[in-house]
Amino acid sequence: MMKIRNAALIGLGAMGSFLAPRLEEGLGRDHFTVIAGGVRKERLTRDGVRVNGVCRRFRITEPEEGEPVDLLIIAVKDPGLPSAIRDIRRFVGEQTLILCIMNGVESEEKVAAAYGWEHMLYSYMKIPVELKNGSYDFDPQGGFIAFGERENKELSERVLAVRELFESCGIPYRIQEDMILGIWKKFMSNIGENMTCALLGVPFRAFQTSAHANAVKNMAKKEVQAVAAALGIGLTDEMIREQDRRSYDAPDNRPSTLQDLDAGKKTEVDMFAGTVVRLGRELGVPTPVNELFYHGIKVLEEKNEGRFSGEKQGQ
């Protein structure tokens, strides 16, 4: 039976920080590494990363010094994916499994184009996390990784190997029968909530108190539903209602795109609203709300760059 004895992770942000301490503790320091080079390696070696207020320093390996691992996890943000695909090359061997836990609906295809589907499992991650005072703060049991083959009516040897690792490391997980549907459900949620909060500058609490915020959110989700339907993916009205009924563990948290805007960083709007708009045009599906998200958030990025006032924000 396949067994995962070592692993590497690239991307030590919110998602990576949720996983890295558990992988190191479960596999042992000599069998887990974070991939980073240059200034980033220097910073991580010197300062580490703060997780729930605790400073953690992991073994760092530069891309040029990599050796094949059994499991490789990509947890970068969308703008960093092209460089991550290059940086993991020496870590990918004949038996390496790759989980690309990024948001969006196209990251697996991009990684598979470079390394082949024989290395890929589908995956995504849900975790309520916020960067506060330089620390990634989250409920240790408040998130999970969903992973699997495209369909998981029967579990493959690859899926069983990852499940065994996650259980031994205390990583919450789910194996869904239809991973494509699961990825698109999360994408629909992200479009509705992440994009609405980013454009309007409000936390998740807005969806508990404002009918207007919910109206914007659900108009956007209906566009994702229509695009998915044109691709043969069945996002139902009940799935939208189910997402509406869920409670927010941390209602004052601000989603990732709004946090990026607050910090004066480039956002993942191209991967979110930009993807909906592009697919909508290709498929003949109108997406006016997502077009507003896309252009509106791009304007906020330009504002942060000082294009309108001459002063860069969020620094």
C-alpha atoms as a PDB file:
ATOM      1  CA  MET A   1       0.000   0.000   0.000  1.00  0.00           C
ATOM      2  CA  MET A   2       1.194   3.499  -0.825  1.00  0.00           C
ATOM      3  CA  LYS A   3       2.498   5.426   2.183  1.00  0.00           C
ATOM      4  CA  ILE A   4       3.473   9.096   2.474  1.00  0.00           C
ATOM      5  CA  ARG A   5       6.706   9.422   4.425  1.00  0.00           C
ATOM      6  CA  ASN A   6       7.749  12.987   3.559  1.00  0.00           C
ATOM      7  CA  ALA A   7       6.168  16.158   2.281  1.00  0.00           C
ATOM      8  CA  ALA A   8       6.928  19.675   1.086  1.00  0.00           C
ATOM      9  CA  LEU A   9       4.760  22.782   1.108  1.00  0.00           C
ATOM     10  CA  ILE A  10       5.066  25.952  -0.945  1.00  0.00           C
ATOM     11  CA  GLY A  11       3.155  28.968   0.314  1.00  0.00           C
ATOM     12  CA  LEU A  12       3.268  29.747   4.032  1.00  0.00           C
ATOM     13  CA  GLY A  13       0.323  32.108   4.206  1.00  0.00           C
ATOM     14  CA  ALA A  14      -3.028  31.442   5.867  1.00  0.00           C
ATOM     15  CA  MET A  15      -3.613  27.973   4.415  1.00  0.00           C
ATOM     16  CA  GLY A  16       0.019  26.902   4.638  1.00  0.00           C
ATOM     17  CA  SER A  17       0.244  28.049   8.246  1.00  0.00           C
ATOM     18  CA  PHE A  18      -2.771  25.902   9.123  1.00  0.00           C
ATOM     19  CA  LEU A  19      -1.023  22.809   7.727  1.00  0.00           C
ATOM     20  CA  ALA A  20       2.705  23.260   8.303  1.00  0.00           C
ATOM     21  CA  PRO A  21       2.830  22.779  12.111  1.00  0.00           C
ATOM     22  CA  ARG A  22       0.767  19.578  11.873  1.00  0.00           C
ATOM     23  CA  LEU A  23       2.781  18.150   9.008  1.00  0.00           C
ATOM     24  CA  GLU A  24       6.053  18.829  10.804  1.00  0.00           C
ATOM     25  CA  GLU A  25       4.793  17.287  14.038  1.00  0.00           C
ATOM     26  CA  GLY A  26       3.297  14.266  12.277  1.00  0.00           C
ATOM     27  CA  LEU A  27       6.145  13.501   9.884  1.00  0.00           C
ATOM     28  CA  GLY A  28       9.082  14.824  11.890  1.00  0.00           C
ATOM     29  CA  ARG A  29      11.229  17.848  11.123  1.00  0.00           C
ATOM     30  CA  ASP A  30      13.583  15.881   8.851  1.00  0.00           C
ATOM     31  CA  HIS A  31      10.671  14.720   6.689  1.00  0.00           C
ATOM     32  CA  PHE A  32       8.851  18.014   6.120  1.00  0.00           C
ATOM     33  CA  THR A  33      10.089  21.197   4.486  1.00  0.00           C
ATOM     34  CA  VAL A  34       8.817  24.533   3.255  1.00  0.00           C
ATOM     35  CA  ILE A  35       9.976  25.573  -0.212  1.00  0.00           C
ATOM     36  CA  ALA A  36      11.308  29.126  -0.356  1.00  0.00           C
ATOM     37  CA  GLY A  37      14.281  30.958  -1.776  1.00  0.00           C
ATOM     38  CA  GLY A  38      15.946  34.356  -1.771  1.00  0.00           C
ATOM     39  CA  VAL A  39      14.529  37.106   0.412  1.00  0.00           C
ATOM     40  CA  ARG A  40      11.546  34.973   1.414  1.00  0.00           C
ATOM     41  CA  LYS A  41      13.813  32.217   2.725  1.00  0.00           C
ATOM     42  CA  GLU A  42      15.838  34.777   4.677  1.00  0.00           C
ATOM     43  CA  ARG A  43      12.702  36.245   6.233  1.00  0.00           C
ATOM     44  CA  LEU A  44      11.190  32.873   7.161  1.00  0.00           C
ATOM     45  CA  THR A  45      14.498  31.677   8.610  1.00  0.00           C
ATOM     46  CA  ARG A  46      14.952  34.872  10.613  1.00  0.00           C
ATOM     47  CA  ASP A  47      11.400  35.673  11.673  1.00  0.00           C
ATOM     48  CA  GLY A  48       9.460  32.462  11.190  1.00  0.00           C
ATOM     49  CA  VAL A  49       5.681  32.717  10.925  1.00  0.00           C
ATOM     50  CA  ARG A  50       3.263  33.392  13.777  1.00  0.00           C
ATOM     51  CA  VAL A  51       0.395  30.934  14.076  1.00  0.00           C
ATOM     52  CA  ASN A  52      -2.203  31.670  16.769  1.00  0.00           C
ATOM     53  CA  GLY A  53       0.388  33.904  18.433  1.00  0.00           C
ATOM     54  CA  VAL A  54       3.170  31.290  18.453  1.00  0.00           C
ATOM     55  CA  CYS A  55       6.297  31.786  16.337  1.00  0.00           C
ATOM     56  CA  ARG A  56       7.054  28.734  14.198  1.00  0.00           C
ATOM     57  CA  ARG A  57      10.258  28.178  12.214  1.00  0.00           C
ATOM     58  CA  PHE A  58      10.248  25.337   9.732  1.00  0.00           C
ATOM     59  CA  ARG A  59      13.016  23.678   7.766  1.00  0.00           C
ATOM     60  CA  ILE A  60      13.381  25.700   4.558  1.00  0.00           C
ATOM     61  CA  THR A  61      14.626  24.274   1.256  1.00  0.00           C
ATOM     62  CA  GLU A  62      15.482  26.413  -1.754  1.00  0.00           C
ATOM     63  CA  PRO A  63      13.915  25.395  -5.080  1.00  0.00           C
ATOM     64  CA  GLU A  64      17.308  24.517  -6.600  1.00  0.00           C
ATOM     65  CA  GLU A  65      18.107  22.159  -3.703  1.00  0.00           C
ATOM     66  CA  GLY A  66      14.894  20.158  -3.863  1.00  0.00           C
ATOM     67  CA  GLU A  67      14.600  16.382  -3.930  1.00  0.00           C
ATOM     68  CA  PRO A  68      11.469  14.353  -4.769  1.00  0.00           C
ATOM     69  CA  VAL A  69       8.879  14.020  -1.993  1.00  0.00           C
ATOM     70  CA  ASP A  70       5.850  11.779  -1.586  1.00  0.00           C
ATOM     71  CA  LEU A  71       3.400  14.685  -1.143  1.00  0.00           C
ATOM     72  CA  LEU A  72       3.675  18.259  -2.337  1.00  0.00           C
ATOM     73  CA  ILE A  73       1.134  20.884  -1.278  1.00  0.00           C
ATOM     74  CA  ILE A  74       0.741  24.156  -3.182  1.00  0.00           C
ATOM     75  CA  ALA A  75      -0.828  26.847  -0.972  1.00  0.00           C
ATOM     76  CA  VAL A  76       0.170  30.076  -2.723  1.00  0.00           C
ATOM     77  CA  LYS A  77      -2.140  32.847  -3.858  1.00  0.00           C
ATOM     78  CA  ASP A  78      -3.119  33.029  -7.503  1.00  0.00           C
ATOM     79  CA  PRO A  79      -0.499  35.598  -8.628  1.00  0.00           C
ATOM     80  CA  GLY A  80       2.206  33.305  -7.234  1.00  0.00           C
ATOM     81  CA  LEU A  81       1.113  30.114  -9.014  1.00  0.00           C
ATOM     82  CA  PRO A  82       3.294  30.440 -12.161  1.00  0.00           C
ATOM     83  CA  SER A  83       6.467  30.833 -10.096  1.00  0.00           C
ATOM     84  CA  ALA A  84       5.374  28.075  -7.704  1.00  0.00           C
ATOM     85  CA  ILE A  85       4.949  25.683 -10.626  1.00  0.00           C
ATOM     86  CA  ARG A  86       8.562  26.407 -11.590  1.00  0.00           C
ATOM     87  CA  ASP A  87       9.888  26.240  -8.026  1.00  0.00           C
ATOM     88  CA  ILE A  88       8.500  22.779  -7.234  1.00  0.00           C
ATOM     89  CA  ARG A  89      10.149  21.040 -10.201  1.00  0.00           C
ATOM     90  CA  ARG A  90      12.954  19.337  -8.269  1.00  0.00           C
ATOM     91  CA  PHE A  91      10.513  18.139  -5.600  1.00  0.00           C
ATOM     92  CA  VAL A  92       8.339  16.222  -8.078  1.00  0.00           C
ATOM     93  CA  GLY A  93       9.415  12.627  -8.619  1.00  0.00           C
ATOM     94  CA  GLU A  94       7.785   9.662 -10.291  1.00  0.00           C
ATOM     95  CA  GLN A  95       5.569   8.888  -7.264  1.00  0.00           C
ATOM     96  CA  THR A  96       4.884  12.438  -6.028  1.00  0.00           C
ATOM     97  CA  LEU A  97       1.272  13.384  -5.302  1.00  0.00           C
ATOM     98  CA  ILE A  98       0.343  17.067  -5.629  1.00  0.00           C
ATOM     99  CA  LEU A  99      -2.465  18.861  -3.798  1.00  0.00           C
ATOM    100  CA  CYS A 100      -3.095  22.398  -5.029  1.00  0.00           C
ATOM    101  CA  ILE A 101      -5.383  23.731  -2.287  1.00  0.00           C
ATOM    102  CA  MET A 102      -5.767  27.201  -3.779  1.00  0.00           C
ATOM    103  CA  ASN A 103      -9.079  28.931  -4.316  1.00  0.00           C
ATOM    104  CA  GLY A 104     -10.578  28.994  -7.775  1.00  0.00           C
ATOM    105  CA  VAL A 105     -11.599  26.329 -10.285  1.00  0.00           C
ATOM    106  CA  GLU A 106      -8.614  26.100 -12.631  1.00  0.00           C
ATOM    107  CA  SER A 107      -5.465  25.619 -10.527  1.00  0.00           C
ATOM    108  CA  GLU A 108      -5.350  21.824 -10.922  1.00  0.00           C
ATOM    109  CA  GLU A 109      -5.440  22.186 -14.689  1.00  0.00           C
ATOM    110  CA  LYS A 110      -2.541  24.639 -14.612  1.00  0.00           C
ATOM    111  CA  VAL A 111      -0.355  22.375 -12.456  1.00  0.00           C
ATOM    112  CA  ALA A 112      -1.301  19.271 -14.451  1.00  0.00           C
ATOM    113  CA  ALA A 113      -0.304  21.040 -17.660  1.00  0.00           C
ATOM    114  CA  ALA A 114       3.240  21.184 -16.260  1.00  0.00           C
ATOM    115  CA  TYR A 115       3.505  17.835 -14.445  1.00  0.00           C
ATOM    116  CA  GLY A 116       0.705  15.571 -15.696  1.00  0.00           C
ATOM    117  CA  TRP A 117      -2.554  14.376 -14.172  1.00  0.00           C
ATOM    118  CA  GLU A 118      -0.861  11.245 -12.838  1.00  0.00           C
ATOM    119  CA  HIS A 119       0.511  13.444 -10.021  1.00  0.00           C
ATOM    120  CA  MET A 120      -2.665  15.364  -9.228  1.00  0.00           C
ATOM    121  CA  LEU A 121      -5.470  14.963  -6.760  1.00  0.00           C
ATOM    122  CA  TYR A 122      -8.274  17.522  -6.636  1.00  0.00           C
ATOM    123  CA  SER A 123      -8.426  19.573  -3.467  1.00  0.00           C
ATOM    124  CA  TYR A 124      -9.621  22.732  -1.829  1.00  0.00           C
ATOM    125  CA  MET A 125      -9.522  24.177   1.656  1.00  0.00           C
ATOM    126  CA  LYS A 126     -12.000  25.998   3.862  1.00  0.00           C
ATOM    127  CA  ILE A 127     -10.663  27.844   6.864  1.00  0.00           C
ATOM    128  CA  PRO A 128     -11.853  30.974   8.681  1.00  0.00           C
ATOM    129  CA  VAL A 129      -8.593  32.800   9.274  1.00  0.00           C
ATOM    130  CA  GLU A 130      -7.463  36.374   9.660  1.00  0.00           C
ATOM    131  CA  LEU A 131      -4.026  37.948   9.803  1.00  0.00           C
ATOM    132  CA  LYS A 132      -3.931  39.997  13.015  1.00  0.00           C
ATOM    133  CA  ASN A 133      -0.825  41.794  14.219  1.00  0.00           C
ATOM    134  CA  GLY A 134       1.372  39.577  12.086  1.00  0.00           C
ATOM    135  CA  SER A 135      -0.221  36.319  13.329  1.00  0.00           C
ATOM    136  CA  TYR A 136      -2.461  33.919  11.408  1.00  0.00           C
ATOM    137  CA  ASP A 137      -5.304  33.328  13.865  1.00  0.00           C
ATOM    138  CA  PHE A 138      -7.823  30.522  13.449  1.00  0.00           C
ATOM    139  CA  ASP A 139      -9.687  27.794  15.288  1.00  0.00           C
ATOM    140  CA  PRO A 140      -7.425  24.709  14.991  1.00  0.00           C
ATOM    141  CA  GLN A 141     -10.488  22.570  14.244  1.00  0.00           C
ATOM    142  CA  GLY A 142     -12.377  25.254  12.344  1.00  0.00           C
ATOM    143  CA  GLY A 143     -11.218  24.352   8.862  1.00  0.00           C
ATOM    144  CA  PHE A 144     -10.612  21.339   6.678  1.00  0.00           C
ATOM    145  CA  ILE A 145      -9.096  20.118   3.426  1.00  0.00           C
ATOM    146  CA  ALA A 146     -11.360  18.391   0.926  1.00  0.00           C
ATOM    147  CA  PHE A 147      -9.470  16.144  -1.456  1.00  0.00           C
ATOM    148  CA  GLY A 148      -9.801  13.175  -3.745  1.00  0.00           C
ATOM    149  CA  GLU A 149      -9.890  11.873  -7.254  1.00  0.00           C
ATOM    150  CA  ARG A 150     -12.390  13.500  -9.602  1.00  0.00           C
ATOM    151  CA  GLU A 151     -14.945  10.931  -8.353  1.00  0.00           C
ATOM    152  CA  ASN A 152     -14.632   9.007  -5.085  1.00  0.00           C
ATOM    153  CA  LYS A 153     -17.327   6.355  -4.970  1.00  0.00           C
ATOM    154  CA  GLU A 154     -14.500   3.973  -4.129  1.00  0.00           C
ATOM    155  CA  LEU A 155     -11.316   5.339  -2.600  1.00  0.00           C
ATOM    156  CA  SER A 156      -8.145   4.953  -4.640  1.00  0.00           C
ATOM    157  CA  GLU A 157      -4.811   3.947  -3.153  1.00  0.00           C
ATOM    158  CA  ARG A 158      -3.651   7.552  -3.594  1.00  0.00           C
ATOM    159  CA  VAL A 159      -6.592   8.941  -1.644  1.00  0.00           C
ATOM    160  CA  LEU A 160      -6.169   6.355   1.105  1.00  0.00           C
ATOM    161  CA  ALA A 161      -2.484   7.324   1.479  1.00  0.00           C
ATOM    162  CA  VAL A 162      -3.322  11.007   1.929  1.00  0.00           C
ATOM    163  CA  ARG A 163      -6.141  10.145   4.323  1.00  0.00           C
ATOM    164  CA  GLU A 164      -3.762   8.092   6.457  1.00  0.00           C
ATOM    165  CA  LEU A 165      -1.272  10.984   6.571  1.00  0.00           C
ATOM    166  CA  PHE A 166      -3.900  13.583   7.493  1.00  0.00           C
ATOM    167  CA  GLU A 167      -5.282  11.371  10.253  1.00  0.00           C
ATOM    168  CA  SER A 168      -1.813  10.799  11.691  1.00  0.00           C
ATOM    169  CA  CYS A 169      -1.105  14.565  11.584  1.00  0.00           C
ATOM    170  CA  GLY A 170      -4.468  15.644  13.010  1.00  0.00           C
ATOM    171  CA  ILE A 171      -5.457  17.515   9.848  1.00  0.00           C
ATOM    172  CA  PRO A 172      -9.249  17.814   9.463  1.00  0.00           C
ATOM    173  CA  TYR A 173     -10.347  16.535   6.052  1.00  0.00           C
ATOM    174  CA  ARG A 174     -13.268  15.519   3.883  1.00  0.00           C
ATOM    175  CA  ILE A 175     -13.333  13.178   0.903  1.00  0.00           C
ATOM    176  CA  GLN A 176     -16.200  14.142  -1.365  1.00  0.00           C
ATOM    177  CA  GLU A 177     -17.761  11.848  -3.920  1.00  0.00           C
ATOM    178  CA  ASP A 178     -17.824  14.592  -6.583  1.00  0.00           C
ATOM    179  CA  MET A 179     -14.781  16.832  -6.187  1.00  0.00           C
ATOM    180  CA  ILE A 180     -15.595  19.050  -9.175  1.00  0.00           C
ATOM    181  CA  LEU A 181     -18.968  19.895  -7.654  1.00  0.00           C
ATOM    182  CA  GLY A 182     -17.313  20.562  -4.293  1.00  0.00           C
ATOM    183  CA  ILE A 183     -14.749  22.901  -5.833  1.00  0.00           C
ATOM    184  CA  TRP A 184     -17.455  24.823  -7.672  1.00  0.00           C
ATOM    185  CA  LYS A 185     -19.629  25.076  -4.536  1.00  0.00           C
ATOM    186  CA  LYS A 186     -16.731  26.656  -2.691  1.00  0.00           C
ATOM    187  CA  PHE A 187     -16.032  28.907  -5.674  1.00  0.00           C
ATOM    188  CA  MET A 188     -19.666  30.071  -5.679  1.00  0.00           C
ATOM    189  CA  SER A 189     -19.437  30.833  -1.962  1.00  0.00           C
ATOM    190  CA  ASN A 190     -16.193  32.751  -2.461  1.00  0.00           C
ATOM    191  CA  ILE A 191     -17.638  34.794  -5.299  1.00  0.00           C
ATOM    192  CA  GLY A 192     -20.714  35.734  -3.303  1.00  0.00           C
ATOM    193  CA  GLU A 193     -19.043  36.484   0.010  1.00  0.00           C
ATOM    194  CA  ASN A 194     -15.411  37.333  -0.725  1.00  0.00           C
ATOM    195  CA  MET A 195     -16.128  39.626  -3.656  1.00  0.00           C
ATOM    196  CA  THR A 196     -19.089  41.368  -2.006  1.00  0.00           C
ATOM    197  CA  CYS A 197     -17.151  42.105   1.180  1.00  0.00           C
ATOM    198  CA  ALA A 198     -14.118  43.306  -0.789  1.00  0.00           C
ATOM    199  CA  LEU A 199     -16.059  45.707  -2.993  1.00  0.00           C
ATOM    200  CA  LEU A 200     -18.200  47.086  -0.168  1.00  0.00           C
ATOM    201  CA  GLY A 201     -15.481  47.057   2.526  1.00  0.00           C
ATOM    202  CA  VAL A 202     -17.542  45.086   5.048  1.00  0.00           C
ATOM    203  CA  PRO A 203     -16.864  41.987   7.224  1.00  0.00           C
ATOM    204  CA  PHE A 204     -18.828  38.731   7.104  1.00  0.00           C
ATOM    205  CA  ARG A 205     -21.189  40.189   9.717  1.00  0.00           C
ATOM    206  CA  ALA A 206     -22.840  42.168   6.919  1.00  0.00           C
ATOM    207  CA  PHE A 207     -24.586  38.989   5.764  1.00  0.00           C
ATOM    208  CA  GLN A 208     -26.169  38.594   9.210  1.00  0.00           C
ATOM    209  CA  THR A 209     -27.590  42.106   9.321  1.00  0.00           C
ATOM    210  CA  SER A 210     -28.019  43.522   5.814  1.00  0.00           C
ATOM    211  CA  ALA A 211     -30.601  42.400   3.256  1.00  0.00           C
ATOM    212  CA  HIS A 212     -28.763  44.524   0.704  1.00  0.00           C
ATOM    213  CA  ALA A 213     -25.441  42.742   1.211  1.00  0.00           C
ATOM    214  CA  ASN A 214     -27.244  39.413   0.855  1.00  0.00           C
ATOM    215  CA  ALA A 215     -28.950  40.584  -2.331  1.00  0.00           C
ATOM    216  CA  VAL A 216     -25.585  41.446  -3.922  1.00  0.00           C
ATOM    217  CA  LYS A 217     -24.077  38.159  -2.705  1.00  0.00           C
ATOM    218  CA  ASN A 218     -26.839  36.025  -4.160  1.00  0.00           C
ATOM    219  CA  MET A 219     -27.025  37.839  -7.495  1.00  0.00           C
ATOM    220  CA  ALA A 220     -23.350  37.024  -7.899  1.00  0.00           C
ATOM    221  CA  LYS A 221     -23.904  33.393  -6.912  1.00  0.00           C
ATOM    222  CA  LYS A 222     -26.679  33.017  -9.482  1.00  0.00           C
ATOM    223  CA  GLU A 223     -24.209  34.057 -12.162  1.00  0.00           C
ATOM    224  CA  VAL A 224     -21.768  31.371 -11.007  1.00  0.00           C
ATOM    225  CA  GLN A 225     -24.648  28.885 -11.044  1.00  0.00           C
ATOM    226  CA  ALA A 226     -25.466  29.816 -14.658  1.00  0.00           C
ATOM    227  CA  VAL A 227     -21.836  29.527 -15.783  1.00  0.00           C
ATOM    228  CA  ALA A 228     -21.493  26.175 -14.036  1.00  0.00           C
ATOM    229  CA  ALA A 229     -24.701  24.908 -15.661  1.00  0.00           C
ATOM    230  CA  ALA A 230     -23.281  25.761 -19.091  1.00  0.00           C
ATOM    231  CA  LEU A 231     -20.308  23.540 -18.164  1.00  0.00           C
ATOM    232  CA  GLY A 232     -22.560  20.694 -17.031  1.00  0.00           C
ATOM    233  CA  ILE A 233     -22.010  21.292 -13.303  1.00  0.00           C
ATOM    234  CA  GLY A 234     -25.164  21.259 -11.188  1.00  0.00           C
ATOM    235  CA  LEU A 235     -25.095  24.033  -8.597  1.00  0.00           C
ATOM    236  CA  THR A 236     -28.676  24.042  -7.311  1.00  0.00           C
ATOM    237  CA  ASP A 237     -30.820  26.700  -5.678  1.00  0.00           C
ATOM    238  CA  GLU A 238     -30.833  24.521  -2.548  1.00  0.00           C
ATOM    239  CA  MET A 239     -27.029  24.718  -2.439  1.00  0.00           C
ATOM    240  CA  ILE A 240     -27.308  28.508  -2.432  1.00  0.00           C
ATOM    241  CA  ARG A 241     -29.924  28.379   0.340  1.00  0.00           C
ATOM    242  CA  GLU A 242     -27.737  25.965   2.290  1.00  0.00           C
ATOM    243  CA  GLN A 243     -24.848  28.431   2.130  1.00  0.00           C
ATOM    244  CA  ASP A 244     -27.198  31.229   3.211  1.00  0.00           C
ATOM    245  CA  ARG A 245     -28.222  29.244   6.300  1.00  0.00           C
ATOM    246  CA  ARG A 246     -24.728  28.603   7.589  1.00  0.00           C
ATOM    247  CA  SER A 247     -23.489  30.569  10.579  1.00  0.00           C
ATOM    248  CA  TYR A 248     -20.216  32.499  10.659  1.00  0.00           C
ATOM    249  CA  ASP A 249     -17.781  31.347  13.341  1.00  0.00           C
ATOM    250  CA  ALA A 250     -15.951  34.665  13.130  1.00  0.00           C
ATOM    251  CA  PRO A 251     -18.419  37.271  11.810  1.00  0.00           C
ATOM    252  CA  ASP A 252     -16.024  40.161  12.329  1.00  0.00           C
ATOM    253  CA  ASN A 253     -13.389  38.561  10.095  1.00  0.00           C
ATOM    254  CA  ARG A 254     -12.687  40.168   6.757  1.00  0.00           C
ATOM    255  CA  PRO A 255     -12.258  37.754   3.817  1.00  0.00           C
ATOM    256  CA  SER A 256      -8.957  37.359   2.018  1.00  0.00           C
ATOM    257  CA  THR A 257      -9.566  39.819  -0.826  1.00  0.00           C
ATOM    258  CA  LEU A 258     -10.566  42.574   1.581  1.00  0.00           C
ATOM    259  CA  GLN A 259      -7.529  41.780   3.754  1.00  0.00           C
ATOM    260  CA  ASP A 260      -5.326  42.131   0.658  1.00  0.00           C
ATOM    261  CA  LEU A 261      -6.893  45.511  -0.134  1.00  0.00           C
ATOM    262  CA  ASP A 262      -6.461  46.623   3.492  1.00  0.00           C
ATOM    263  CA  ALA A 263      -2.762  45.738   3.225  1.00  0.00           C
ATOM    264  CA  GLY A 264      -2.283  47.474  -0.124  1.00  0.00           C
ATOM    265  CA  LYS A 265      -1.596  44.174  -1.911  1.00  0.00           C
ATOM    266  CA  LYS A 266      -2.688  42.849  -5.272  1.00  0.00           C
ATOM    267  CA  THR A 267      -5.789  40.677  -4.908  1.00  0.00           C
ATOM    268  CA  GLU A 268      -6.973  37.410  -6.445  1.00  0.00           C
ATOM    269  CA  VAL A 269      -9.834  39.136  -8.261  1.00  0.00           C
ATOM    270  CA  ASP A 270      -8.659  37.736 -11.605  1.00  0.00           C
ATOM    271  CA  MET A 271      -9.077  34.191 -10.260  1.00  0.00           C
ATOM    272  CA  PHE A 272     -12.456  34.999  -8.717  1.00  0.00           C
ATOM    273  CA  ALA A 273     -14.670  37.466 -10.590  1.00  0.00           C
ATOM    274  CA  GLY A 274     -12.295  37.565 -13.545  1.00  0.00           C
ATOM    275  CA  THR A 275     -12.768  33.830 -14.141  1.00  0.00           C
ATOM    276  CA  VAL A 276     -16.562  34.132 -13.986  1.00  0.00           C
ATOM    277  CA  VAL A 277     -16.512  36.986 -16.493  1.00  0.00           C
ATOM    278  CA  ARG A 278     -14.156  35.192 -18.886  1.00  0.00           C
ATOM    279  CA  LEU A 279     -16.067  31.911 -18.775  1.00  0.00           C
ATOM    280  CA  GLY A 280     -19.344  33.780 -19.111  1.00  0.00           C
ATOM    281  CA  ARG A 281     -18.143  35.413 -22.302  1.00  0.00           C
ATOM    282  CA  GLU A 282     -16.876  32.105 -23.677  1.00  0.00           C
ATOM    283  CA  LEU A 283     -20.160  30.362 -22.870  1.00  0.00           C
ATOM    284  CA  GLY A 284     -22.571  33.167 -23.725  1.00  0.00           C
ATOM    285  CA  VAL A 285     -23.693  33.669 -20.102  1.00  0.00           C
ATOM    286  CA  PRO A 286     -24.234  37.265 -18.881  1.00  0.00           C
ATOM    287  CA  THR A 287     -22.265  38.117 -15.722  1.00  0.00           C
ATOM    288  CA  PRO A 288     -22.890  41.839 -14.975  1.00  0.00           C
ATOM    289  CA  VAL A 289     -22.487  41.567 -11.176  1.00  0.00           C
ATOM    290  CA  ASN A 290     -19.131  39.847 -11.529  1.00  0.00           C
ATOM    291  CA  GLU A 291     -18.075  42.443 -14.106  1.00  0.00           C
ATOM    292  CA  LEU A 292     -18.833  45.095 -11.487  1.00  0.00           C
ATOM    293  CA  PHE A 293     -16.830  43.139  -8.898  1.00  0.00           C
ATOM    294  CA  TYR A 294     -13.922  42.780 -11.303  1.00  0.00           C
ATOM    295  CA  HIS A 295     -13.682  46.391 -12.404  1.00  0.00           C
ATOM    296  CA  GLY A 296     -14.584  47.824  -8.996  1.00  0.00           C
ATOM    297  CA  ILE A 297     -11.897  45.846  -7.150  1.00  0.00           C
ATOM    298  CA  LYS A 298      -9.375  46.724  -9.859  1.00  0.00           C
ATOM    299  CA  VAL A 299     -10.147  50.389  -9.143  1.00  0.00           C
ATOM    300  CA  LEU A 300      -9.502  49.790  -5.432  1.00  0.00           C
ATOM    301  CA  GLU A 301      -6.151  48.210  -6.325  1.00  0.00           C
ATOM    302  CA  GLU A 302      -5.325  51.295  -8.406  1.00  0.00           C
ATOM    303  CA  LYS A 303      -6.343  53.479  -5.464  1.00  0.00           C
ATOM    304  CA  ASN A 304      -3.902  51.562  -3.240  1.00  0.00           C
ATOM    305  CA  GLU A 305      -1.186  52.162  -5.823  1.00  0.00           C
ATOM    306  CA  GLY A 306      -1.718  55.900  -5.421  1.00  0.00           C
ATOM    307  CA  ARG A 307      -3.024  56.384  -8.932  1.00  0.00           C
ATOM    308  CA  PHE A 308      -5.633  58.893  -7.806  1.00  0.00           C
ATOM    309  CA  SER A 309      -3.932  60.631  -4.871  1.00  0.00           C
ATOM    310  CA  GLY A 310      -0.232  60.094  -5.403  1.00  0.00           C
ATOM    311  CA  GLU A 311       0.073  58.223  -2.109  1.00  0.00           C
ATOM    312  CA  LYS A 312       0.272  54.433  -1.851  1.00  0.00           C
ATOM    313  CA  GLN A 313      -2.133  52.984   0.718  1.00  0.00           C
ATOM    314  CA  GLY A 314      -1.836  50.032   3.065  1.00  0.00           C
ATOM    315  CA  GLN A 315       1.916  50.369   3.710  1.00  0.00           C
END
